[in-house]
């Protein structure tokens, strides 16, 4: 049994392409061409050259000795925070803009929550001299002001979205509405493993460089190419998909994902889709969705703008339902404390999204010889004000 996408764009019961009629031709064209393009030799050569020379890959696999001593395992950090633009998102945007160029598109749109995907999209648009428009919830525009200014500096137009909760889900809806109005010349660079097929598979493939490198780096460091545990945060699921891609069918590797619990998954102030969601349709795909009994989408809530989404990608839904993945809910205060912990113990300030993954370690039990690879999906520069405003939640680490 494989957990990857089938020929019809489904992961078990999840996935598919549920799009307005006006977008049917765009999505079908992408479905028919994306594999032929991204598997071509010319694409691979250009893509890998940019990852190496522009993004700065491979990203390091760092042995975190103090963290390892504390949790009683051999913990390695996959340092996606060291990529150009400061997160894993650039892996995907480089690939998708090369695809857009080969498909003859001249205008790029994207959604963003924490702003990292927006920055990465604006970056590659500047690189390729293409028009760029970013949709971002007004709430996130305020709490991620630095990233908004970075996008503008790179030449992108940023559209604050003022509907709904004014966060990531609303930005996705606004981007899709724009795409409906400009289907012929516009390419939508989706930032996570969500949306209509083939986007979940396309994004996962673009991010799979993470697990490809983990295999090579572990072989060099420990003499085998697989860990005992893979740990990553999850919202829509892009960094998680990249972390696990080459291990999804390897049952020797246990997969643990950390979702945003907000004030607690048992409350109404949460983004814990795995714990609270039921099967529904959102942004073009069948997935687990936080919704009420009438199918109305419930607003997600978390301190982390990048995990503030009421759904989760279909690949992850299928793996969770079939028991392949363990998902832990991490509350806001637990994430803040874990972010300070990594900062003080290893000198690495993680994005609050990544801090959710670090917080998962305290909820896991290890043997001394267990090898754990945890993906630090982004750096915490964008979140400094949030960390400082919540330092009382950091316990002993917040005393300064």
Protein backbone atom coordinates (compact mmCIF):
# COMPACT_ATOMS: atom_id res chain seq x y z
CA UNK A 1 0.00 0.00 0.00
CA UNK A 2 1.34 3.40 -0.99
CA UNK A 3 0.36 6.64 0.71
CA UNK A 4 1.19 8.76 -2.35
CA UNK A 5 -1.35 10.10 -4.83
CA UNK A 6 -3.16 7.77 -7.26
CA UNK A 7 -3.75 8.37 -10.97
CA UNK A 8 -7.05 10.14 -10.24
CA UNK A 9 -5.60 12.66 -7.80
CA UNK A 10 -6.78 10.97 -4.61
CA UNK A 11 -5.10 9.79 -1.43
CA UNK A 12 -7.54 7.13 -0.31
CA UNK A 13 -10.85 9.00 0.04
CA UNK A 14 -9.17 12.43 0.19
CA UNK A 15 -8.05 14.79 -2.57
CA UNK A 16 -9.61 15.31 -5.97
CA UNK A 17 -10.31 18.57 -7.78
CA UNK A 18 -13.48 20.41 -6.85
CA UNK A 19 -13.25 23.69 -8.74
CA UNK A 20 -15.59 26.22 -10.38
CA UNK A 21 -16.33 25.55 -14.05
CA UNK A 22 -14.31 28.59 -15.11
CA UNK A 23 -11.15 27.02 -13.60
CA UNK A 24 -11.76 23.51 -14.93
CA UNK A 25 -9.65 24.06 -18.04
CA UNK A 26 -6.76 25.60 -16.07
CA UNK A 27 -6.68 22.77 -13.56
CA UNK A 28 -7.04 20.08 -16.21
CA UNK A 29 -4.21 21.61 -18.24
CA UNK A 30 -2.00 21.60 -15.15
CA UNK A 31 -2.95 17.99 -14.39
CA UNK A 32 -2.02 16.89 -17.89
CA UNK A 33 1.31 18.71 -18.04
CA UNK A 34 2.90 19.07 -14.60
CA UNK A 35 4.56 15.65 -14.45
CA UNK A 36 5.85 15.82 -18.03
CA UNK A 37 7.42 19.20 -17.25
CA UNK A 38 8.86 18.63 -13.77
CA UNK A 39 10.25 15.21 -14.69
CA UNK A 40 11.98 16.54 -17.81
CA UNK A 41 15.75 16.79 -17.78
CA UNK A 42 15.80 20.52 -18.58
CA UNK A 43 13.47 21.32 -15.68
CA UNK A 44 15.43 19.15 -13.25
CA UNK A 45 18.72 20.75 -14.23
CA UNK A 46 17.42 24.31 -13.83
CA UNK A 47 15.51 23.51 -10.63
CA UNK A 48 18.43 21.77 -8.92
CA UNK A 49 20.87 24.47 -9.99
CA UNK A 50 18.66 27.15 -8.40
CA UNK A 51 18.24 25.10 -5.22
CA UNK A 52 22.00 24.81 -4.96
CA UNK A 53 23.19 28.24 -6.06
CA UNK A 54 20.24 30.47 -5.14
CA UNK A 55 18.47 28.80 -2.21
CA UNK A 56 21.65 27.44 -0.65
CA UNK A 57 20.84 23.74 -0.51
CA UNK A 58 21.51 21.26 0.88
CA UNK A 59 20.33 22.63 4.20
CA UNK A 60 22.36 21.29 7.15
CA UNK A 61 21.35 18.34 9.31
CA UNK A 62 22.56 19.49 12.73
CA UNK A 63 23.06 17.26 15.78
CA UNK A 64 21.45 19.11 18.70
CA UNK A 65 23.55 17.82 21.60
CA UNK A 66 21.91 19.72 24.46
CA UNK A 67 18.42 18.95 23.22
CA UNK A 68 19.47 15.31 22.82
CA UNK A 69 20.72 15.15 26.40
CA UNK A 70 17.48 16.62 27.72
CA UNK A 71 15.14 14.28 25.88
CA UNK A 72 17.27 11.13 25.95
CA UNK A 73 17.60 10.53 22.22
CA UNK A 74 19.83 11.46 19.29
CA UNK A 75 18.08 14.55 17.93
CA UNK A 76 19.02 16.05 14.58
CA UNK A 77 17.56 19.30 13.27
CA UNK A 78 16.91 19.71 9.54
CA UNK A 79 17.74 23.40 9.15
CA UNK A 80 15.21 24.73 6.61
CA UNK A 81 15.46 28.03 8.49
CA UNK A 82 18.84 28.55 6.81
CA UNK A 83 17.39 28.62 3.29
CA UNK A 84 17.26 31.87 1.33
CA UNK A 85 14.16 33.78 2.58
CA UNK A 86 14.30 31.89 5.88
CA UNK A 87 11.97 28.92 5.43
CA UNK A 88 11.19 25.79 3.42
CA UNK A 89 8.69 27.67 1.22
CA UNK A 90 11.34 28.71 -1.32
CA UNK A 91 11.83 25.06 -2.40
CA UNK A 92 8.29 25.04 -3.73
CA UNK A 93 8.12 28.52 -5.25
CA UNK A 94 11.29 27.99 -7.28
CA UNK A 95 9.80 24.84 -8.77
CA UNK A 96 6.35 26.27 -9.42
CA UNK A 97 7.54 29.45 -11.12
CA UNK A 98 9.69 27.38 -13.47
CA UNK A 99 6.55 25.35 -14.23
CA UNK A 100 4.52 28.54 -14.76
CA UNK A 101 7.09 29.87 -17.24
CA UNK A 102 7.06 26.64 -19.21
CA UNK A 103 3.25 26.81 -19.35
CA UNK A 104 3.35 30.35 -20.77
CA UNK A 105 1.86 32.17 -17.76
CA UNK A 106 2.78 35.81 -17.16
CA UNK A 107 1.11 36.68 -13.85
CA UNK A 108 1.60 34.98 -10.48
CA UNK A 109 -0.76 34.98 -7.51
CA UNK A 110 -0.34 33.33 -4.11
CA UNK A 111 -1.89 33.17 -0.65
CA UNK A 112 0.12 33.55 2.54
CA UNK A 113 -0.41 33.34 6.28
CA UNK A 114 2.82 33.86 8.18
CA UNK A 115 4.16 35.62 5.11
CA UNK A 116 6.96 33.16 4.35
CA UNK A 117 5.23 31.75 1.27
CA UNK A 118 4.40 35.28 0.18
CA UNK A 119 8.01 36.36 0.55
CA UNK A 120 9.24 33.24 -1.27
CA UNK A 121 6.77 33.84 -4.11
CA UNK A 122 7.69 37.53 -4.38
CA UNK A 123 11.36 36.52 -4.39
CA UNK A 124 11.12 34.15 -7.35
CA UNK A 125 8.89 36.60 -9.21
CA UNK A 126 11.59 39.25 -8.85
CA UNK A 127 14.14 36.70 -10.00
CA UNK A 128 12.08 35.77 -13.06
CA UNK A 129 10.71 39.27 -13.78
CA UNK A 130 7.05 38.25 -13.42
CA UNK A 131 4.10 40.20 -12.04
CA UNK A 132 3.23 39.11 -8.50
CA UNK A 133 0.13 39.63 -6.34
CA UNK A 134 -0.17 38.21 -2.82
CA UNK A 135 -3.39 37.70 -0.85
CA UNK A 136 -2.97 37.89 2.91
CA UNK A 137 -5.52 38.11 5.71
CA UNK A 138 -5.66 41.55 7.31
CA UNK A 139 -5.03 40.00 10.73
CA UNK A 140 -1.83 38.45 9.41
CA UNK A 141 -0.82 41.67 7.64
CA UNK A 142 -0.77 43.29 11.06
CA UNK A 143 1.02 40.55 12.98
CA UNK A 144 3.52 39.80 10.20
CA UNK A 145 4.30 43.40 9.22
CA UNK A 146 7.97 42.77 8.47
CA UNK A 147 7.18 40.09 5.91
CA UNK A 148 4.59 42.35 4.29
CA UNK A 149 7.26 45.02 3.78
CA UNK A 150 9.67 42.42 2.40
CA UNK A 151 7.07 41.39 -0.19
CA UNK A 152 6.52 45.01 -1.22
CA UNK A 153 10.26 45.63 -1.40
CA UNK A 154 10.53 42.66 -3.76
CA UNK A 155 7.94 44.27 -6.04
CA UNK A 156 4.80 42.34 -5.09
CA UNK A 157 1.36 43.87 -4.60
CA UNK A 158 -0.11 42.74 -1.26
CA UNK A 159 -3.91 42.54 -0.97
CA UNK A 160 -5.17 42.56 2.66
CA UNK A 161 -8.21 40.27 2.87
CA UNK A 162 -10.90 41.52 5.25
CA UNK A 163 -13.47 38.73 5.05
CA UNK A 164 -14.06 36.05 7.70
CA UNK A 165 -11.33 35.69 10.29
CA UNK A 166 -8.96 37.68 8.03
CA UNK A 167 -6.31 34.93 8.15
CA UNK A 168 -4.91 32.18 5.92
CA UNK A 169 -8.15 30.44 4.93
CA UNK A 170 -9.66 33.75 3.82
CA UNK A 171 -6.51 34.57 1.84
CA UNK A 172 -6.84 31.23 0.02
CA UNK A 173 -10.46 31.99 -0.86
CA UNK A 174 -9.54 35.45 -2.16
CA UNK A 175 -6.73 34.01 -4.31
CA UNK A 176 -9.10 31.47 -5.85
CA UNK A 177 -11.64 34.21 -6.60
CA UNK A 178 -8.93 36.20 -8.36
CA UNK A 179 -7.85 33.12 -10.32
CA UNK A 180 -11.45 32.72 -11.52
CA UNK A 181 -11.28 36.25 -12.93
CA UNK A 182 -7.92 35.76 -14.70
CA UNK A 183 -7.71 32.10 -15.74
CA UNK A 184 -5.81 32.53 -19.00
CA UNK A 185 -2.65 34.40 -17.98
CA UNK A 186 -2.44 33.64 -14.24
CA UNK A 187 -0.62 30.85 -12.43
CA UNK A 188 -1.59 30.27 -8.79
CA UNK A 189 1.47 29.22 -6.77
CA UNK A 190 -0.21 27.31 -3.96
CA UNK A 191 1.92 27.30 -0.83
CA UNK A 192 0.94 24.04 0.83
CA UNK A 193 -0.24 20.49 0.11
CA UNK A 194 -3.82 21.63 -0.34
CA UNK A 195 -6.02 22.78 -3.18
CA UNK A 196 -7.28 20.81 -6.19
CA UNK A 197 -5.23 18.02 -7.71
CA UNK A 198 -2.41 18.25 -8.77
CA UNK A 199 -1.37 20.88 -6.20
CA UNK A 200 -1.04 18.55 -3.17
CA UNK A 201 1.19 16.23 -5.19
CA UNK A 202 3.06 19.07 -6.92
CA UNK A 203 3.91 20.84 -3.64
CA UNK A 204 4.91 17.57 -1.97
CA UNK A 205 7.25 16.78 -4.86
CA UNK A 206 8.82 20.25 -4.75
CA UNK A 207 9.39 19.89 -0.99
CA UNK A 208 10.61 16.28 -1.20
CA UNK A 209 14.17 17.59 -1.55
CA UNK A 210 14.06 17.80 2.27
CA UNK A 211 13.66 14.06 2.84
CA UNK A 212 15.94 13.27 -0.10
CA UNK A 213 18.70 15.19 1.68
CA UNK A 214 17.86 13.67 5.06
CA UNK A 215 18.50 10.19 3.62
CA UNK A 216 21.90 11.19 2.26
CA UNK A 217 22.91 13.13 5.36
CA UNK A 218 21.91 10.39 7.81
CA UNK A 219 23.85 7.83 5.77
CA UNK A 220 26.93 9.99 6.14
CA UNK A 221 26.43 10.75 9.85
CA UNK A 222 25.12 7.48 11.32
CA UNK A 223 25.70 4.88 8.62
CA UNK A 224 22.04 4.31 7.74
CA UNK A 225 19.65 6.41 5.68
CA UNK A 226 16.56 6.40 7.92
CA UNK A 227 15.73 7.72 11.41
CA UNK A 228 13.51 6.14 14.03
CA UNK A 229 11.32 9.25 14.21
CA UNK A 230 10.48 12.14 11.91
CA UNK A 231 8.94 15.19 13.58
CA UNK A 232 7.46 18.28 11.89
CA UNK A 233 4.78 20.89 12.45
CA UNK A 234 1.69 20.79 10.25
CA UNK A 235 -0.89 23.29 9.05
CA UNK A 236 -1.70 22.75 5.40
CA UNK A 237 1.22 20.31 5.35
CA UNK A 238 4.05 21.42 3.04
CA UNK A 239 7.08 21.11 5.32
CA UNK A 240 5.63 17.94 6.82
CA UNK A 241 5.18 16.46 3.35
CA UNK A 242 8.75 17.35 2.42
CA UNK A 243 10.10 15.85 5.63
CA UNK A 244 8.34 12.51 5.23
CA UNK A 245 8.05 12.14 1.43
CA UNK A 246 10.76 9.51 0.91
CA UNK A 247 9.76 7.65 4.07
CA UNK A 248 5.97 7.42 3.79
CA UNK A 249 6.06 3.73 2.86
CA UNK A 250 8.96 2.86 5.20
CA UNK A 251 7.31 1.40 8.29
CA UNK A 252 10.62 1.48 10.19
CA UNK A 253 10.17 5.24 10.50
CA UNK A 254 7.59 6.62 12.90
CA UNK A 255 6.03 9.91 11.83
CA UNK A 256 4.91 12.45 14.44
CA UNK A 257 3.29 15.73 13.39
CA UNK A 258 2.48 18.70 15.61
CA UNK A 259 -0.65 20.72 14.86
CA UNK A 260 -1.70 24.02 16.41
CA UNK A 261 -3.95 23.49 19.40
CA UNK A 262 -4.42 27.20 20.08
CA UNK A 263 -6.09 27.43 23.49
CA UNK A 264 -6.68 23.67 23.39
CA UNK A 265 -8.27 21.36 20.84
CA UNK A 266 -11.25 20.87 23.15
CA UNK A 267 -12.03 24.63 22.99
CA UNK A 268 -13.46 26.78 20.19
CA UNK A 269 -10.11 28.59 19.87
CA UNK A 270 -8.03 26.01 18.03
CA UNK A 271 -6.57 25.03 14.66
CA UNK A 272 -6.32 21.33 15.57
CA UNK A 273 -7.95 19.96 12.42
CA UNK A 274 -6.94 16.34 12.99
CA UNK A 275 -8.50 16.39 16.45
CA UNK A 276 -11.58 18.42 15.53
CA UNK A 277 -12.14 18.01 11.80
CA UNK A 278 -14.53 15.91 9.75
CA UNK A 279 -14.45 15.10 6.04
CA UNK A 280 -15.49 18.00 3.82
CA UNK A 281 -14.56 20.08 0.78
CA UNK A 282 -12.35 23.14 1.17
CA UNK A 283 -10.42 25.12 -1.45
CA UNK A 284 -10.86 22.50 -4.15
CA UNK A 285 -10.09 19.26 -2.32
CA UNK A 286 -11.73 16.71 -0.05
CA UNK A 287 -9.95 16.79 3.30
CA UNK A 288 -10.47 16.93 7.04
CA UNK A 289 -12.05 20.29 7.79
CA UNK A 290 -13.15 22.10 10.92
CA UNK A 291 -16.84 22.65 10.22
CA UNK A 292 -20.18 22.77 11.98
CA UNK A 293 -23.06 20.38 11.50
CA UNK A 294 -24.29 22.33 8.49
CA UNK A 295 -20.90 22.16 6.77
CA UNK A 296 -20.02 25.79 7.47
CA UNK A 297 -16.28 26.29 7.92
CA UNK A 298 -15.27 27.14 11.48
CA UNK A 299 -12.57 29.71 12.03
CA UNK A 300 -9.16 28.41 13.06
CA UNK A 301 -7.34 30.02 15.97
CA UNK A 302 -3.65 29.84 16.88
CA UNK A 303 -0.80 32.15 17.78
CA UNK A 304 0.95 30.85 14.67
CA UNK A 305 -0.10 32.59 11.45
CA UNK A 306 1.39 29.80 9.31
CA UNK A 307 -0.68 27.06 10.99
CA UNK A 308 -3.91 29.08 11.10
CA UNK A 309 -5.87 26.94 8.63
CA UNK A 310 -9.12 24.98 9.23
CA UNK A 311 -8.12 22.09 6.97
CA UNK A 312 -5.13 19.86 6.27
CA UNK A 313 -3.74 18.43 3.04
CA UNK A 314 -5.29 15.20 1.68
CA UNK A 315 -2.07 13.17 1.80
CA UNK A 316 -1.81 13.79 5.53
CA UNK A 317 -5.52 13.10 6.08
CA UNK A 318 -5.18 9.70 4.44
CA UNK A 319 -2.04 8.78 6.39
CA UNK A 320 -3.64 9.85 9.67
CA UNK A 321 -6.85 7.93 9.02
CA UNK A 322 -4.87 4.78 8.16
CA UNK A 323 -2.74 5.07 11.30
CA UNK A 324 0.54 5.86 9.56
CA UNK A 325 0.93 9.23 11.28
CA UNK A 326 0.66 10.24 14.93
CA UNK A 327 -0.56 13.81 15.43
CA UNK A 328 -0.04 15.78 18.64
CA UNK A 329 -1.92 18.97 19.47
CA UNK A 330 0.36 21.73 20.76
CA UNK A 331 -1.19 24.68 22.58
CA UNK A 332 0.00 28.26 22.14
CA UNK A 333 1.79 28.43 25.48
CA UNK A 334 3.55 25.11 24.83
CA UNK A 335 4.80 26.39 21.47
CA UNK A 336 6.09 29.64 22.97
CA UNK A 337 7.96 27.77 25.68
CA UNK A 338 9.47 25.36 23.15
CA UNK A 339 10.60 28.24 20.96
CA UNK A 340 12.44 29.79 23.89
CA UNK A 341 13.84 26.38 24.83
CA UNK A 342 15.44 25.83 21.42
CA UNK A 343 16.72 29.39 21.47
CA UNK A 344 18.40 29.04 24.85
CA UNK A 345 19.65 25.47 24.44
CA UNK A 346 20.89 25.50 20.84
CA UNK A 347 21.10 29.17 19.88
CA UNK A 348 18.43 28.75 17.19
CA UNK A 349 15.36 31.01 17.22
CA UNK A 350 12.66 29.03 15.38
CA UNK A 351 9.55 30.29 13.69
CA UNK A 352 6.57 29.78 15.97
CA UNK A 353 5.34 27.20 13.47
CA UNK A 354 8.54 25.19 13.98
CA UNK A 355 8.32 25.66 17.75
CA UNK A 356 5.21 23.46 17.67
CA UNK A 357 7.40 20.61 16.41
CA UNK A 358 9.95 21.22 19.17
CA UNK A 359 7.14 21.15 21.74
CA UNK A 360 6.17 17.67 20.53
CA UNK A 361 9.41 16.27 21.98
CA UNK A 362 8.13 16.74 25.53
CA UNK A 363 5.10 14.58 24.72
CA UNK A 364 7.14 11.69 23.29
CA UNK A 365 9.03 8.80 24.91
CA UNK A 366 12.41 7.78 23.50
CA UNK A 367 15.05 5.12 23.91
CA UNK A 368 18.65 6.40 24.20
CA UNK A 369 19.59 5.03 20.76
CA UNK A 370 16.59 6.47 18.94
CA UNK A 371 17.48 8.77 16.07
CA UNK A 372 15.06 11.68 15.72
CA UNK A 373 15.01 14.13 12.82
CA UNK A 374 13.00 17.29 13.48
CA UNK A 375 12.47 19.86 10.75
CA UNK A 376 12.96 23.50 11.74
CA UNK A 377 10.79 24.80 8.93
CA UNK A 378 11.58 28.50 9.37
CA UNK A 379 13.49 31.06 11.38
CA UNK A 380 11.90 33.20 14.04
CA UNK A 381 12.84 36.71 12.93
CA UNK A 382 9.25 37.35 11.85
CA UNK A 383 7.93 36.25 15.26
CA UNK A 384 10.17 38.20 17.65
CA UNK A 385 7.39 40.56 18.74
CA UNK A 386 5.05 37.64 19.37
CA UNK A 387 7.71 35.86 21.42
CA UNK A 388 8.42 38.98 23.47
CA UNK A 389 4.73 39.73 24.03
CA UNK A 390 4.23 36.20 25.36
CA UNK A 391 7.46 35.61 27.26
CA UNK A 392 5.55 34.97 30.50
CA UNK A 393 4.56 31.62 28.91
CA UNK A 394 8.21 30.63 28.50
CA UNK A 395 8.74 29.65 32.14
CA UNK A 396 12.36 29.88 33.24
CA UNK A 397 13.41 30.77 29.70
CA UNK A 398 11.39 33.97 29.76
CA UNK A 399 13.33 35.53 32.62
CA UNK A 400 15.51 38.19 31.02
